[in-house]
Amino acid sequence: MRHSNTKLKPNVYTPEQESCLEEVIQGLSKPQKSLPCKLFYDERGSTIFEEICNLDEYYLTRTEMGIMQANIDEICSSLGNDCLLIEFGSGSSTKIRLMLNHLRDPAAYVPIDISYEHLIKSTGALSREYPSLNIIPVCADYTQPFTLPPLGIEWSHKVVFYPGSTIGNYTPAEALRFLTLIADFEGAGGKLLIGVDLKKEKGKLEAAYNDSKGVTAAFNLNILKRLNAELDSDFNLDNWSHNALYNEEEGRIEMHVKSLKDQHVRLNGARFFFREGESILTECSYKYTLEEFRDLVSPVFNVKKVWTDDEGAFSVQFLRVK
């Protein structure tokens, strides 16, 4: 199936999204207080995360990119011709350039990101670099059901690109629900290219989330700054510290912001008390063996191909909807 030659306008489509206020209040009301990790990615948070990706300790981005560079022809051949390429959490759109340079005649590229400002910036750059490519940016929380705008083009199948091991931010049960959402979104013939971080020794994992320059700490604490700006809270960032550790029993990195004193915090009219040493869980990052991830996705996807680095630290996996 061929796509039309209609060039879509580079306007950002923004479906209706619910406020996250209720989700935040629910998280802060739990015995182990928590915040949704999607709150990391405002404009400042997205910029800080780009810095994290270039840190010596943060092996994930360069390892995933190395895997893709070494196997890009086989990867793009697996994804097929004339696909509608949809990237969940497009960020700075760095990895997608490698794919766009090797994919065979993609019908269109749909970057989806929760940060409007970051999406505008990255889409503008891509439009200049790929003037003949249909680019349809969508600002949305892709963890929830959403709709694409009318596209006005044809394609043979959908391909979702979900790099960066972001799937690890969900518990296994949540991950399966999200993967089911992706499979339903893609429909029959849908394909998924996903980055999955693999289990390894504790020291390397903890170093990746506790960098010596404190960039990850700034990223973590920025979530409180965003709550102050957007949800009328009064977190004093001087009263909080970054803490990341590997929970071996659960097989996950946990990022927390820890209270340095007894304190009350106001948020949108509600008041929350934090004891000294009490923490808010801001992110989990689950690590898998290849067998564990294959079993996790098996209700909705078949794993067709796996590429790893020489050390087996990270994987890029090609899946098809069952």
Protein backbone atom coordinates (compact mmCIF):
# COMPACT_ATOMS: atom_id res chain seq x y z
CA MET A 1 0.00 0.00 0.00
CA ARG A 2 1.41 3.37 -1.03
CA HIS A 3 0.97 6.64 0.80
CA SER A 4 -0.25 9.80 -0.86
CA ASN A 5 2.00 12.76 -1.59
CA THR A 6 -0.01 15.08 0.65
CA LYS A 7 2.33 17.01 2.93
CA LEU A 8 0.79 17.48 6.35
CA LYS A 9 1.20 20.78 8.17
CA PRO A 10 3.70 20.60 11.04
CA ASN A 11 1.14 21.67 13.65
CA VAL A 12 1.22 19.82 16.94
CA TYR A 13 -1.91 17.78 17.61
CA THR A 14 -2.87 17.88 21.29
CA PRO A 15 -5.69 15.54 22.33
CA GLU A 16 -7.60 16.33 25.49
CA GLN A 17 -5.72 15.22 28.60
CA GLU A 18 -6.90 14.94 32.18
CA SER A 19 -5.11 16.86 34.90
CA CYS A 20 -2.67 14.75 36.90
CA LEU A 21 -3.67 16.48 40.17
CA GLU A 22 -5.80 13.57 41.37
CA GLU A 23 -3.04 11.10 40.50
CA VAL A 24 -0.50 13.16 42.48
CA ILE A 25 -2.75 13.44 45.54
CA GLN A 26 -3.45 9.71 45.48
CA GLY A 27 0.27 8.95 45.28
CA LEU A 28 1.14 11.23 48.19
CA SER A 29 -1.61 9.64 50.29
CA LYS A 30 -0.09 6.13 50.17
CA PRO A 31 2.03 4.63 52.98
CA GLN A 32 4.98 4.72 50.54
CA LYS A 33 4.37 8.09 48.98
CA SER A 34 4.95 8.23 45.23
CA LEU A 35 4.73 10.50 42.21
CA PRO A 36 4.14 9.52 38.55
CA CYS A 37 7.45 9.53 36.71
CA LYS A 38 5.86 11.19 33.67
CA LEU A 39 6.11 14.42 35.69
CA PHE A 40 9.87 14.40 35.07
CA TYR A 41 9.43 15.53 31.49
CA ASP A 42 8.57 19.19 31.41
CA GLU A 43 10.87 21.34 29.26
CA ARG A 44 13.56 21.64 31.96
CA GLY A 45 13.34 17.97 32.92
CA SER A 46 13.65 16.86 29.30
CA THR A 47 16.73 19.05 28.89
CA ILE A 48 18.32 17.65 32.05
CA PHE A 49 17.60 14.11 30.87
CA GLU A 50 19.53 14.81 27.69
CA GLU A 51 22.50 15.69 29.92
CA ILE A 52 22.06 12.41 31.80
CA CYS A 53 22.23 10.47 28.54
CA ASN A 54 25.74 11.84 27.93
CA LEU A 55 27.14 10.98 31.38
CA ASP A 56 29.95 8.44 31.69
CA GLU A 57 28.02 6.45 34.29
CA TYR A 58 24.80 6.31 32.27
CA TYR A 59 25.54 3.39 29.96
CA LEU A 60 21.99 2.91 28.69
CA THR A 61 21.77 5.49 25.89
CA ARG A 62 25.17 4.91 24.29
CA THR A 63 24.80 1.12 24.57
CA GLU A 64 21.37 1.14 22.95
CA MET A 65 22.62 3.47 20.22
CA GLY A 66 25.62 1.23 19.63
CA ILE A 67 23.36 -1.80 19.22
CA MET A 68 21.19 0.07 16.73
CA GLN A 69 24.15 1.36 14.73
CA ALA A 70 25.65 -2.12 14.48
CA ASN A 71 22.38 -3.71 13.34
CA ILE A 72 20.45 -0.90 11.66
CA ASP A 73 20.06 -2.57 8.27
CA GLU A 74 18.60 -5.72 9.80
CA ILE A 75 16.42 -3.69 12.17
CA CYS A 76 14.92 -1.56 9.42
CA SER A 77 14.45 -4.57 7.15
CA SER A 78 12.44 -6.21 9.95
CA LEU A 79 10.20 -3.14 10.28
CA GLY A 80 9.29 -3.25 6.58
CA ASN A 81 8.33 -0.78 3.87
CA ASP A 82 5.75 1.99 3.94
CA CYS A 83 5.15 1.87 7.69
CA LEU A 84 3.57 4.51 9.88
CA LEU A 85 6.42 5.04 12.34
CA ILE A 86 5.22 6.18 15.77
CA GLU A 87 7.68 7.02 18.53
CA PHE A 88 6.42 6.97 22.13
CA GLY A 89 8.38 9.51 24.20
CA SER A 90 10.28 11.06 21.30
CA GLY A 91 12.30 13.50 23.44
CA SER A 92 15.13 15.01 21.42
CA SER A 93 14.51 12.52 18.55
CA THR A 94 18.18 11.50 18.41
CA LYS A 95 17.78 7.76 17.79
CA ILE A 96 15.00 8.22 15.28
CA ARG A 97 17.39 9.94 12.87
CA LEU A 98 19.33 6.71 12.50
CA MET A 99 16.12 4.88 11.62
CA LEU A 100 14.86 7.58 9.24
CA ASN A 101 18.15 7.37 7.36
CA HIS A 102 17.71 3.63 6.78
CA LEU A 103 13.96 2.88 6.70
CA ARG A 104 12.50 2.12 3.30
CA ASP A 105 10.02 4.81 2.32
CA PRO A 106 8.18 5.37 5.65
CA ALA A 107 4.65 6.72 5.12
CA ALA A 108 5.02 9.20 7.99
CA TYR A 109 6.69 9.77 11.33
CA VAL A 110 4.53 10.49 14.39
CA PRO A 111 6.56 11.66 17.41
CA ILE A 112 4.54 11.57 20.63
CA ASP A 113 5.75 13.33 23.75
CA ILE A 114 4.22 14.78 26.91
CA SER A 115 6.45 17.88 26.84
CA TYR A 116 4.93 20.35 24.35
CA GLU A 117 7.92 22.71 24.27
CA HIS A 118 10.41 19.90 23.72
CA LEU A 119 8.20 18.40 21.01
CA ILE A 120 8.00 21.71 19.14
CA LYS A 121 11.79 22.13 19.25
CA SER A 122 12.70 18.62 18.13
CA THR A 123 10.01 18.46 15.44
CA GLY A 124 11.16 21.76 13.97
CA ALA A 125 14.70 20.45 13.66
CA LEU A 126 13.53 17.20 12.05
CA SER A 127 11.31 19.03 9.57
CA ARG A 128 14.33 21.00 8.36
CA GLU A 129 16.47 17.87 8.07
CA TYR A 130 13.79 15.72 6.38
CA PRO A 131 11.73 18.19 4.30
CA SER A 132 10.02 15.47 2.24
CA LEU A 133 8.92 13.40 5.23
CA ASN A 134 5.41 13.65 6.63
CA ILE A 135 5.91 14.50 10.34
CA ILE A 136 2.81 14.62 12.54
CA PRO A 137 3.75 15.60 16.12
CA VAL A 138 1.29 14.65 18.87
CA CYS A 139 1.51 16.04 22.40
CA ALA A 140 -0.09 13.41 24.63
CA ASP A 141 0.32 11.15 27.62
CA TYR A 142 0.85 7.95 25.67
CA THR A 143 0.42 5.83 28.81
CA GLN A 144 -3.31 6.51 28.45
CA PRO A 145 -5.54 5.80 25.44
CA PHE A 146 -5.39 8.66 22.93
CA THR A 147 -6.38 9.31 19.34
CA LEU A 148 -4.28 10.29 16.36
CA PRO A 149 -5.41 13.21 14.20
CA PRO A 150 -6.83 12.57 10.72
CA LEU A 151 -3.69 11.72 8.76
CA GLY A 152 -4.80 11.95 5.16
CA ILE A 153 -2.30 9.29 4.11
CA GLU A 154 -2.12 5.53 3.64
CA TRP A 155 0.33 3.07 5.16
CA SER A 156 0.87 -0.66 5.22
CA HIS A 157 1.22 -1.18 9.00
CA LYS A 158 2.05 0.65 12.22
CA VAL A 159 5.44 0.45 13.91
CA VAL A 160 5.82 1.76 17.45
CA PHE A 161 9.36 2.72 18.47
CA TYR A 162 9.83 2.74 22.25
CA PRO A 163 13.53 3.11 23.05
CA GLY A 164 15.48 3.92 26.18
CA SER A 165 14.29 1.05 28.42
CA THR A 166 11.33 3.21 29.50
CA ILE A 167 9.28 0.02 29.76
CA GLY A 168 11.24 -0.59 32.98
CA ASN A 169 9.44 2.33 34.63
CA TYR A 170 6.36 0.15 35.00
CA THR A 171 5.83 -2.75 37.36
CA PRO A 172 5.55 -6.00 35.39
CA ALA A 173 1.75 -5.92 35.74
CA GLU A 174 1.64 -2.29 34.61
CA ALA A 175 4.03 -3.08 31.76
CA LEU A 176 1.73 -5.81 30.47
CA ARG A 177 -1.26 -3.45 30.59
CA PHE A 178 0.73 -0.83 28.70
CA LEU A 179 1.96 -3.35 26.11
CA THR A 180 -1.65 -4.46 25.64
CA LEU A 181 -2.57 -0.81 25.02
CA ILE A 182 0.17 -0.62 22.37
CA ALA A 183 -1.00 -3.85 20.71
CA ASP A 184 -4.59 -2.57 20.61
CA PHE A 185 -3.39 0.77 19.26
CA GLU A 186 -1.41 -0.90 16.48
CA GLY A 187 -3.86 -3.62 15.53
CA ALA A 188 -3.21 -6.59 13.27
CA GLY A 189 0.23 -6.57 11.67
CA GLY A 190 1.59 -4.09 14.21
CA LYS A 191 5.27 -4.13 15.10
CA LEU A 192 7.16 -2.85 18.13
CA LEU A 193 10.85 -1.96 18.42
CA ILE A 194 11.67 -1.60 22.10
CA GLY A 195 14.73 -1.02 24.28
CA VAL A 196 15.02 -3.24 27.36
CA ASP A 197 17.71 -2.90 30.01
CA LEU A 198 19.08 -6.21 31.25
CA LYS A 199 20.03 -7.42 34.72
CA LYS A 200 23.65 -6.91 35.71
CA GLU A 201 25.81 -6.32 38.77
CA LYS A 202 24.45 -3.91 41.38
CA GLY A 203 27.40 -1.48 41.34
CA LYS A 204 27.03 -0.61 37.66
CA LEU A 205 23.29 -0.13 38.02
CA GLU A 206 23.50 2.16 41.04
CA ALA A 207 26.30 4.24 39.51
CA ALA A 208 24.12 4.94 36.48
CA TYR A 209 21.51 6.62 38.68
CA ASN A 210 23.89 8.35 41.14
CA ASP A 211 26.27 10.22 38.84
CA SER A 212 29.20 12.09 40.31
CA LYS A 213 28.15 15.43 38.77
CA GLY A 214 24.72 15.41 40.43
CA VAL A 215 22.83 15.71 37.17
CA THR A 216 20.45 12.87 38.06
CA ALA A 217 19.85 14.47 41.45
CA ALA A 218 18.82 17.71 39.70
CA PHE A 219 16.54 15.73 37.38
CA ASN A 220 14.91 13.97 40.33
CA LEU A 221 14.38 17.13 42.39
CA ASN A 222 13.00 18.98 39.37
CA ILE A 223 9.80 16.98 39.81
CA LEU A 224 9.15 18.91 43.05
CA LYS A 225 9.92 22.20 41.32
CA ARG A 226 7.35 21.33 38.66
CA LEU A 227 4.71 20.59 41.29
CA ASN A 228 5.36 24.02 42.78
CA ALA A 229 4.93 25.68 39.40
CA GLU A 230 1.93 23.75 38.12
CA LEU A 231 -0.02 22.37 41.10
CA ASP A 232 0.36 25.17 43.66
CA SER A 233 2.60 23.25 46.09
CA ASP A 234 5.28 24.70 48.37
CA PHE A 235 8.09 22.12 48.38
CA ASN A 236 11.32 23.69 49.65
CA LEU A 237 13.94 21.91 47.55
CA ASP A 238 16.60 22.60 50.19
CA ASN A 239 14.71 20.19 52.44
CA TRP A 240 14.96 17.25 50.04
CA SER A 241 17.72 15.03 48.67
CA HIS A 242 18.09 12.54 45.82
CA ASN A 243 18.45 8.84 46.61
CA ALA A 244 18.73 5.92 44.15
CA LEU A 245 19.29 2.26 45.02
CA TYR A 246 18.95 -1.18 43.49
CA ASN A 247 16.26 -3.38 45.03
CA GLU A 248 17.62 -6.84 44.28
CA GLU A 249 14.50 -8.67 45.46
CA GLU A 250 12.30 -6.71 43.03
CA GLY A 251 14.96 -6.48 40.32
CA ARG A 252 14.64 -2.72 39.97
CA ILE A 253 16.37 0.59 40.53
CA GLU A 254 14.32 2.87 42.79
CA MET A 255 14.66 6.66 42.70
CA HIS A 256 13.42 8.60 45.72
CA VAL A 257 13.43 12.16 46.97
CA LYS A 258 14.08 12.01 50.72
CA SER A 259 12.87 14.47 53.34
CA LEU A 260 15.77 15.96 55.34
CA LYS A 261 13.54 17.12 58.21
CA ASP A 262 10.05 16.85 59.66
CA GLN A 263 7.93 19.10 57.49
CA HIS A 264 4.50 19.89 56.12
CA VAL A 265 3.93 20.55 52.43
CA ARG A 266 0.86 22.20 50.93
CA LEU A 267 -0.46 21.08 47.54
CA ASN A 268 -3.57 22.59 45.97
CA GLY A 269 -5.20 23.15 49.36
CA ALA A 270 -4.22 19.77 50.82
CA ARG A 271 -1.47 19.35 53.45
CA PHE A 272 0.93 16.43 53.67
CA PHE A 273 3.30 15.63 56.54
CA PHE A 274 6.74 14.11 55.93
CA ARG A 275 8.96 12.71 58.65
CA GLU A 276 12.71 13.19 58.52
CA GLY A 277 14.07 10.36 56.37
CA GLU A 278 10.71 9.61 54.74
CA SER A 279 10.84 9.40 50.96
CA ILE A 280 8.71 9.85 47.89
CA LEU A 281 9.22 7.17 45.24
CA THR A 282 9.59 9.00 41.93
CA GLU A 283 10.66 6.23 39.59
CA CYS A 284 11.26 2.50 39.35
CA SER A 285 13.41 1.04 36.61
CA TYR A 286 12.96 -2.72 36.30
CA LYS A 287 15.71 -4.81 34.77
CA TYR A 288 14.98 -8.11 33.00
CA THR A 289 16.65 -11.21 31.69
CA LEU A 290 15.78 -11.98 28.07
CA GLU A 291 13.66 -14.90 29.24
CA GLU A 292 11.78 -12.78 31.78
CA PHE A 293 10.89 -10.16 29.20
CA ARG A 294 9.83 -12.74 26.62
CA ASP A 295 7.47 -14.28 29.19
CA LEU A 296 6.15 -10.83 30.17
CA VAL A 297 5.13 -9.84 26.63
CA SER A 298 3.91 -13.29 25.56
CA PRO A 299 0.16 -12.61 26.05
CA VAL A 300 0.17 -9.87 23.38
CA PHE A 301 3.46 -9.96 21.43
CA ASN A 302 5.81 -12.49 19.90
CA VAL A 303 9.51 -11.69 20.26
CA LYS A 304 10.87 -12.09 16.74
CA LYS A 305 14.45 -10.84 17.10
CA VAL A 306 16.76 -9.60 19.87
CA TRP A 307 19.97 -7.61 19.44
CA THR A 308 22.36 -7.06 22.37
CA ASP A 309 25.77 -5.51 22.98
CA ASP A 310 28.83 -7.72 23.48
CA GLU A 311 28.55 -7.53 27.28
CA GLY A 312 24.83 -8.36 27.32
CA ALA A 313 24.06 -5.17 29.23
CA PHE A 314 21.18 -3.96 27.06
CA SER A 315 18.83 -5.24 24.37
CA VAL A 316 16.87 -3.90 21.42
CA GLN A 317 13.95 -6.19 20.66
CA PHE A 318 11.65 -6.56 17.65
CA LEU A 319 8.13 -7.74 18.54
CA ARG A 320 4.98 -8.45 16.51
CA VAL A 321 1.38 -8.25 17.66
CA LYS A 322 -0.09 -11.72 18.15
